[in-house]
Amino acid sequence: SWAGASGLMQIMPKTAKHLGLEMEDIFN
């Protein structure tokens, strides 16, 4: 999305960091 939400569940970068999901893995 334009806001940066990514992948199947549209996780935001800030949320990904909080969850321990690396940005290089966000589309896995």
PDB file of all heavy atoms in Angstrom:
ATOM      1  N   SER A   1       0.841  -1.197   0.000  1.00  0.00           N
ATOM      2  CA  SER A   1       0.000   0.000   0.000  1.00  0.00           C
ATOM      3  C   SER A   1       0.875   1.244   0.000  1.00  0.00           C
ATOM      4  O   SER A   1       2.067   1.189   0.300  1.00  0.00           O
ATOM      5  CB  SER A   1      -0.919   0.017   1.222  1.00  0.00           C
ATOM      6  OG  SER A   1      -0.217   0.479   2.368  1.00  0.00           O
ATOM      7  N   TRP A   2       0.261   2.391  -0.310  1.00  0.00           N
ATOM      8  CA  TRP A   2       0.972   3.665  -0.326  1.00  0.00           C
ATOM      9  C   TRP A   2       1.549   3.997   1.050  1.00  0.00           C
ATOM     10  O   TRP A   2       2.551   4.691   1.164  1.00  0.00           O
ATOM     11  CB  TRP A   2       0.025   4.779  -0.764  1.00  0.00           C
ATOM     12  CG  TRP A   2      -1.165   4.934   0.131  1.00  0.00           C
ATOM     13  CD1 TRP A   2      -2.378   4.339  -0.008  1.00  0.00           C
ATOM     14  CD2 TRP A   2      -1.257   5.714   1.321  1.00  0.00           C
ATOM     15  NE1 TRP A   2      -3.218   4.689   1.019  1.00  0.00           N
ATOM     16  CE2 TRP A   2      -2.563   5.543   1.844  1.00  0.00           C
ATOM     17  CE3 TRP A   2      -0.366   6.548   1.989  1.00  0.00           C
ATOM     18  CZ2 TRP A   2      -2.990   6.165   3.006  1.00  0.00           C
ATOM     19  CZ3 TRP A   2      -0.798   7.178   3.157  1.00  0.00           C
ATOM     20  CH2 TRP A   2      -2.104   6.981   3.648  1.00  0.00           C
ATOM     21  N   ALA A   3       0.897   3.482   2.108  1.00  0.00           N
ATOM     22  CA  ALA A   3       1.354   3.798   3.469  1.00  0.00           C
ATOM     23  C   ALA A   3       2.511   2.910   3.903  1.00  0.00           C
ATOM     24  O   ALA A   3       3.097   3.129   4.955  1.00  0.00           O
ATOM     25  CB  ALA A   3       0.195   3.654   4.455  1.00  0.00           C
ATOM     26  N   GLY A   4       2.840   1.896   3.089  1.00  0.00           N
ATOM     27  CA  GLY A   4       3.950   1.016   3.423  1.00  0.00           C
ATOM     28  C   GLY A   4       3.536  -0.348   3.920  1.00  0.00           C
ATOM     29  O   GLY A   4       4.393  -1.206   4.174  1.00  0.00           O
ATOM     30  N   ALA A   5       2.206  -0.586   4.083  1.00  0.00           N
ATOM     31  CA  ALA A   5       1.730  -1.909   4.495  1.00  0.00           C
ATOM     32  C   ALA A   5       2.090  -2.921   3.414  1.00  0.00           C
ATOM     33  O   ALA A   5       1.909  -2.663   2.231  1.00  0.00           O
ATOM     34  CB  ALA A   5       0.225  -1.880   4.726  1.00  0.00           C
ATOM     35  N   SER A   6       2.591  -4.085   3.846  1.00  0.00           N
ATOM     36  CA  SER A   6       3.167  -5.017   2.873  1.00  0.00           C
ATOM     37  C   SER A   6       2.768  -6.458   3.154  1.00  0.00           C
ATOM     38  O   SER A   6       2.520  -6.848   4.298  1.00  0.00           O
ATOM     39  CB  SER A   6       4.697  -4.918   2.887  1.00  0.00           C
ATOM     40  OG  SER A   6       5.132  -3.599   2.622  1.00  0.00           O
ATOM     41  N   GLY A   7       2.728  -7.232   2.062  1.00  0.00           N
ATOM     42  CA  GLY A   7       2.541  -8.665   2.172  1.00  0.00           C
ATOM     43  C   GLY A   7       1.097  -9.098   2.268  1.00  0.00           C
ATOM     44  O   GLY A   7       0.162  -8.298   2.138  1.00  0.00           O
ATOM     45  N   LEU A   8       0.909 -10.391   2.498  1.00  0.00           N
ATOM     46  CA  LEU A   8      -0.427 -10.974   2.525  1.00  0.00           C
ATOM     47  C   LEU A   8      -1.343 -10.308   3.543  1.00  0.00           C
ATOM     48  O   LEU A   8      -2.515 -10.064   3.274  1.00  0.00           O
ATOM     49  CB  LEU A   8      -0.326 -12.473   2.839  1.00  0.00           C
ATOM     50  CG  LEU A   8       0.120 -13.386   1.699  1.00  0.00           C
ATOM     51  CD1 LEU A   8       0.416 -14.781   2.224  1.00  0.00           C
ATOM     52  CD2 LEU A   8      -0.941 -13.448   0.600  1.00  0.00           C
ATOM     53  N   MET A   9      -0.817 -10.005   4.728  1.00  0.00           N
ATOM     54  CA  MET A   9      -1.641  -9.434   5.796  1.00  0.00           C
ATOM     55  C   MET A   9      -1.421  -7.933   5.948  1.00  0.00           C
ATOM     56  O   MET A   9      -1.840  -7.339   6.938  1.00  0.00           O
ATOM     57  CB  MET A   9      -1.358 -10.151   7.113  1.00  0.00           C
ATOM     58  CG  MET A   9      -1.664 -11.647   7.091  1.00  0.00           C
ATOM     59  SD  MET A   9      -3.394 -12.044   6.755  1.00  0.00           S
ATOM     60  CE  MET A   9      -4.170 -11.520   8.280  1.00  0.00           C
ATOM     61  N   GLN A  10      -0.749  -7.306   4.971  1.00  0.00           N
ATOM     62  CA  GLN A  10      -0.566  -5.853   4.929  1.00  0.00           C
ATOM     63  C   GLN A  10      -0.042  -5.307   6.265  1.00  0.00           C
ATOM     64  O   GLN A  10      -0.670  -4.452   6.914  1.00  0.00           O
ATOM     65  CB  GLN A  10      -1.860  -5.161   4.527  1.00  0.00           C
ATOM     66  CG  GLN A  10      -2.236  -5.371   3.063  1.00  0.00           C
ATOM     67  CD  GLN A  10      -1.250  -4.665   2.133  1.00  0.00           C
ATOM     68  OE1 GLN A  10      -1.377  -3.477   1.883  1.00  0.00           O
ATOM     69  NE2 GLN A  10      -0.281  -5.399   1.616  1.00  0.00           N
ATOM     70  N   ILE A  11       1.127  -5.771   6.636  1.00  0.00           N
ATOM     71  CA  ILE A  11       1.754  -5.364   7.900  1.00  0.00           C
ATOM     72  C   ILE A  11       2.570  -4.095   7.678  1.00  0.00           C
ATOM     73  O   ILE A  11       3.373  -4.018   6.748  1.00  0.00           O
ATOM     74  CB  ILE A  11       2.634  -6.498   8.452  1.00  0.00           C
ATOM     75  CG1 ILE A  11       1.750  -7.710   8.776  1.00  0.00           C
ATOM     76  CG2 ILE A  11       3.392  -6.047   9.689  1.00  0.00           C
ATOM     77  CD1 ILE A  11       2.520  -8.925   9.243  1.00  0.00           C
ATOM     78  N   MET A  12       2.355  -3.112   8.550  1.00  0.00           N
ATOM     79  CA  MET A  12       3.097  -1.860   8.468  1.00  0.00           C
ATOM     80  C   MET A  12       4.530  -2.055   8.965  1.00  0.00           C
ATOM     81  O   MET A  12       4.781  -2.891   9.843  1.00  0.00           O
ATOM     82  CB  MET A  12       2.409  -0.785   9.311  1.00  0.00           C
ATOM     83  CG  MET A  12       1.058  -0.353   8.774  1.00  0.00           C
ATOM     84  SD  MET A  12       1.205   0.575   7.240  1.00  0.00           S
ATOM     85  CE  MET A  12       1.935   2.105   7.852  1.00  0.00           C
ATOM     86  N   PRO A  13       5.488  -1.286   8.418  1.00  0.00           N
ATOM     87  CA  PRO A  13       6.887  -1.422   8.853  1.00  0.00           C
ATOM     88  C   PRO A  13       7.073  -1.284  10.363  1.00  0.00           C
ATOM     89  O   PRO A  13       7.828  -2.040  10.975  1.00  0.00           O
ATOM     90  CB  PRO A  13       7.592  -0.296   8.096  1.00  0.00           C
ATOM     91  CG  PRO A  13       6.765  -0.090   6.871  1.00  0.00           C
ATOM     92  CD  PRO A  13       5.349  -0.342   7.300  1.00  0.00           C
ATOM     93  N   LYS A  14       6.381  -0.329  10.967  1.00  0.00           N
ATOM     94  CA  LYS A  14       6.504  -0.127  12.415  1.00  0.00           C
ATOM     95  C   LYS A  14       5.993  -1.340  13.179  1.00  0.00           C
ATOM     96  O   LYS A  14       6.590  -1.766  14.174  1.00  0.00           O
ATOM     97  CB  LYS A  14       5.736   1.131  12.823  1.00  0.00           C
ATOM     98  CG  LYS A  14       5.894   1.522  14.281  1.00  0.00           C
ATOM     99  CD  LYS A  14       5.155   2.810  14.580  1.00  0.00           C
ATOM    100  CE  LYS A  14       5.301   3.210  16.048  1.00  0.00           C
ATOM    101  NZ  LYS A  14       4.565   4.470  16.342  1.00  0.00           N
ATOM    102  N   THR A  15       4.888  -1.910  12.709  1.00  0.00           N
ATOM    103  CA  THR A  15       4.331  -3.101  13.344  1.00  0.00           C
ATOM    104  C   THR A  15       5.255  -4.293  13.148  1.00  0.00           C
ATOM    105  O   THR A  15       5.450  -5.103  14.059  1.00  0.00           O
ATOM    106  CB  THR A  15       2.934  -3.410  12.770  1.00  0.00           C
ATOM    107  OG1 THR A  15       2.103  -2.251  12.887  1.00  0.00           O
ATOM    108  CG2 THR A  15       2.280  -4.564  13.506  1.00  0.00           C
ATOM    109  N   ALA A  16       5.818  -4.402  11.944  1.00  0.00           N
ATOM    110  CA  ALA A  16       6.753  -5.494  11.662  1.00  0.00           C
ATOM    111  C   ALA A  16       7.945  -5.442  12.619  1.00  0.00           C
ATOM    112  O   ALA A  16       8.371  -6.476  13.162  1.00  0.00           O
ATOM    113  CB  ALA A  16       7.228  -5.409  10.212  1.00  0.00           C
ATOM    114  N   LYS A  17       8.471  -4.260  12.843  1.00  0.00           N
ATOM    115  CA  LYS A  17       9.606  -4.101  13.765  1.00  0.00           C
ATOM    116  C   LYS A  17       9.211  -4.529  15.171  1.00  0.00           C
ATOM    117  O   LYS A  17       9.964  -5.224  15.865  1.00  0.00           O
ATOM    118  CB  LYS A  17      10.077  -2.647  13.753  1.00  0.00           C
ATOM    119  CG  LYS A  17      11.301  -2.390  14.618  1.00  0.00           C
ATOM    120  CD  LYS A  17      11.744  -0.940  14.524  1.00  0.00           C
ATOM    121  CE  LYS A  17      12.974  -0.690  15.394  1.00  0.00           C
ATOM    122  NZ  LYS A  17      13.418   0.732  15.318  1.00  0.00           N
ATOM    123  N   HIS A  18       8.027  -4.110  15.589  1.00  0.00           N
ATOM    124  CA  HIS A  18       7.525  -4.476  16.913  1.00  0.00           C
ATOM    125  C   HIS A  18       7.387  -5.989  17.056  1.00  0.00           C
ATOM    126  O   HIS A  18       7.665  -6.557  18.122  1.00  0.00           O
ATOM    127  CB  HIS A  18       6.173  -3.792  17.148  1.00  0.00           C
ATOM    128  CG  HIS A  18       5.371  -4.380  18.261  1.00  0.00           C
ATOM    129  ND1 HIS A  18       5.708  -4.220  19.588  1.00  0.00           N
ATOM    130  CD2 HIS A  18       4.233  -5.146  18.242  1.00  0.00           C
ATOM    131  CE1 HIS A  18       4.829  -4.859  20.349  1.00  0.00           C
ATOM    132  NE2 HIS A  18       3.930  -5.428  19.562  1.00  0.00           N
ATOM    133  N   LEU A  19       6.986  -6.657  15.975  1.00  0.00           N
ATOM    134  CA  LEU A  19       6.755  -8.101  16.000  1.00  0.00           C
ATOM    135  C   LEU A  19       8.019  -8.912  15.744  1.00  0.00           C
ATOM    136  O   LEU A  19       7.988 -10.142  15.809  1.00  0.00           O
ATOM    137  CB  LEU A  19       5.690  -8.478  14.968  1.00  0.00           C
ATOM    138  CG  LEU A  19       4.291  -7.878  15.198  1.00  0.00           C
ATOM    139  CD1 LEU A  19       3.410  -8.109  13.984  1.00  0.00           C
ATOM    140  CD2 LEU A  19       3.651  -8.471  16.452  1.00  0.00           C
ATOM    141  N   GLY A  20       9.117  -8.226  15.426  1.00  0.00           N
ATOM    142  CA  GLY A  20      10.362  -8.930  15.141  1.00  0.00           C
ATOM    143  C   GLY A  20      10.449  -9.479  13.740  1.00  0.00           C
ATOM    144  O   GLY A  20      11.255 -10.377  13.467  1.00  0.00           O
ATOM    145  N   LEU A  21       9.621  -8.952  12.837  1.00  0.00           N
ATOM    146  CA  LEU A  21       9.652  -9.380  11.441  1.00  0.00           C
ATOM    147  C   LEU A  21      10.563  -8.446  10.660  1.00  0.00           C
ATOM    148  O   LEU A  21      10.299  -7.246  10.549  1.00  0.00           O
ATOM    149  CB  LEU A  21       8.234  -9.351  10.849  1.00  0.00           C
ATOM    150  CG  LEU A  21       8.092  -9.721   9.370  1.00  0.00           C
ATOM    151  CD1 LEU A  21       8.532 -11.145   9.114  1.00  0.00           C
ATOM    152  CD2 LEU A  21       6.654  -9.499   8.899  1.00  0.00           C
ATOM    153  N   GLU A  22      11.655  -8.986  10.131  1.00  0.00           N
ATOM    154  CA  GLU A  22      12.598  -8.182   9.372  1.00  0.00           C
ATOM    155  C   GLU A  22      11.975  -7.740   8.060  1.00  0.00           C
ATOM    156  O   GLU A  22      11.181  -8.465   7.452  1.00  0.00           O
ATOM    157  CB  GLU A  22      13.876  -8.979   9.088  1.00  0.00           C
ATOM    158  CG  GLU A  22      14.613  -9.444  10.331  1.00  0.00           C
ATOM    159  CD  GLU A  22      15.203  -8.285  11.126  1.00  0.00           C
ATOM    160  OE1 GLU A  22      15.424  -7.207  10.523  1.00  0.00           O
ATOM    161  OE2 GLU A  22      15.435  -8.450  12.341  1.00  0.00           O
ATOM    162  N   MET A  23      12.343  -6.534   7.597  1.00  0.00           N
ATOM    163  CA  MET A  23      11.763  -5.999   6.375  1.00  0.00           C
ATOM    164  C   MET A  23      12.078  -6.866   5.156  1.00  0.00           C
ATOM    165  O   MET A  23      11.275  -6.961   4.233  1.00  0.00           O
ATOM    166  CB  MET A  23      12.237  -4.562   6.138  1.00  0.00           C
ATOM    167  CG  MET A  23      11.641  -3.553   7.094  1.00  0.00           C
ATOM    168  SD  MET A  23       9.822  -3.591   7.148  1.00  0.00           S
ATOM    169  CE  MET A  23       9.409  -3.100   5.477  1.00  0.00           C
ATOM    170  N   GLU A  24      13.233  -7.533   5.156  1.00  0.00           N
ATOM    171  CA  GLU A  24      13.561  -8.387   4.015  1.00  0.00           C
ATOM    172  C   GLU A  24      12.695  -9.650   3.989  1.00  0.00           C
ATOM    173  O   GLU A  24      12.652 -10.361   2.986  1.00  0.00           O
ATOM    174  CB  GLU A  24      15.043  -8.769   4.016  1.00  0.00           C
ATOM    175  CG  GLU A  24      15.498  -9.515   5.255  1.00  0.00           C
ATOM    176  CD  GLU A  24      16.175  -8.600   6.258  1.00  0.00           C
ATOM    177  OE1 GLU A  24      15.826  -7.406   6.296  1.00  0.00           O
ATOM    178  OE2 GLU A  24      17.063  -9.090   6.982  1.00  0.00           O
ATOM    179  N   ASP A  25      11.995  -9.924   5.119  1.00  0.00           N
ATOM    180  CA  ASP A  25      11.136 -11.106   5.197  1.00  0.00           C
ATOM    181  C   ASP A  25       9.653 -10.768   5.114  1.00  0.00           C
ATOM    182  O   ASP A  25       8.814 -11.674   5.199  1.00  0.00           O
ATOM    183  CB  ASP A  25      11.396 -11.863   6.506  1.00  0.00           C
ATOM    184  CG  ASP A  25      12.804 -12.423   6.584  1.00  0.00           C
ATOM    185  OD1 ASP A  25      13.333 -12.832   5.531  1.00  0.00           O
ATOM    186  OD2 ASP A  25      13.377 -12.438   7.692  1.00  0.00           O
ATOM    187  N   ILE A  26       9.326  -9.496   4.969  1.00  0.00           N
ATOM    188  CA  ILE A  26       7.925  -9.094   5.102  1.00  0.00           C
ATOM    189  C   ILE A  26       7.045  -9.635   3.974  1.00  0.00           C
ATOM    190  O   ILE A  26       5.835  -9.786   4.128  1.00  0.00           O
ATOM    191  CB  ILE A  26       7.813  -7.555   5.203  1.00  0.00           C
ATOM    192  CG1 ILE A  26       6.479  -7.165   5.861  1.00  0.00           C
ATOM    193  CG2 ILE A  26       7.970  -6.889   3.823  1.00  0.00           C
ATOM    194  CD1 ILE A  26       6.404  -5.734   6.322  1.00  0.00           C
ATOM    195  N   PHE A  27       7.644  -9.968   2.825  1.00  0.00           N
ATOM    196  CA  PHE A  27       6.869 -10.527   1.719  1.00  0.00           C
ATOM    197  C   PHE A  27       6.890 -12.059   1.716  1.00  0.00           C
ATOM    198  O   PHE A  27       6.326 -12.675   0.824  1.00  0.00           O
ATOM    199  CB  PHE A  27       7.387  -9.989   0.381  1.00  0.00           C
ATOM    200  CG  PHE A  27       7.141  -8.514   0.197  1.00  0.00           C
ATOM    201  CD1 PHE A  27       8.179  -7.605   0.318  1.00  0.00           C
ATOM    202  CD2 PHE A  27       5.868  -8.033  -0.068  1.00  0.00           C
ATOM    203  CE1 PHE A  27       7.956  -6.241   0.163  1.00  0.00           C
ATOM    204  CE2 PHE A  27       5.634  -6.673  -0.225  1.00  0.00           C
ATOM    205  CZ  PHE A  27       6.678  -5.775  -0.110  1.00  0.00           C
ATOM    206  N   ASN A  28       7.535 -12.646   2.708  1.00  0.00           N
ATOM    207  CA  ASN A  28       7.515 -14.098   2.848  1.00  0.00           C
ATOM    208  C   ASN A  28       6.137 -14.509   3.365  1.00  0.00           C
ATOM    209  O   ASN A  28       5.733 -14.101   4.461  1.00  0.00           O
ATOM    210  CB  ASN A  28       8.600 -14.540   3.830  1.00  0.00           C
ATOM    211  CG  ASN A  28       8.625 -16.034   4.051  1.00  0.00           C
ATOM    212  OD1 ASN A  28       7.683 -16.603   4.594  1.00  0.00           O
ATOM    213  ND2 ASN A  28       9.710 -16.667   3.650  1.00  0.00           N
TER     214      ASN A  28
END
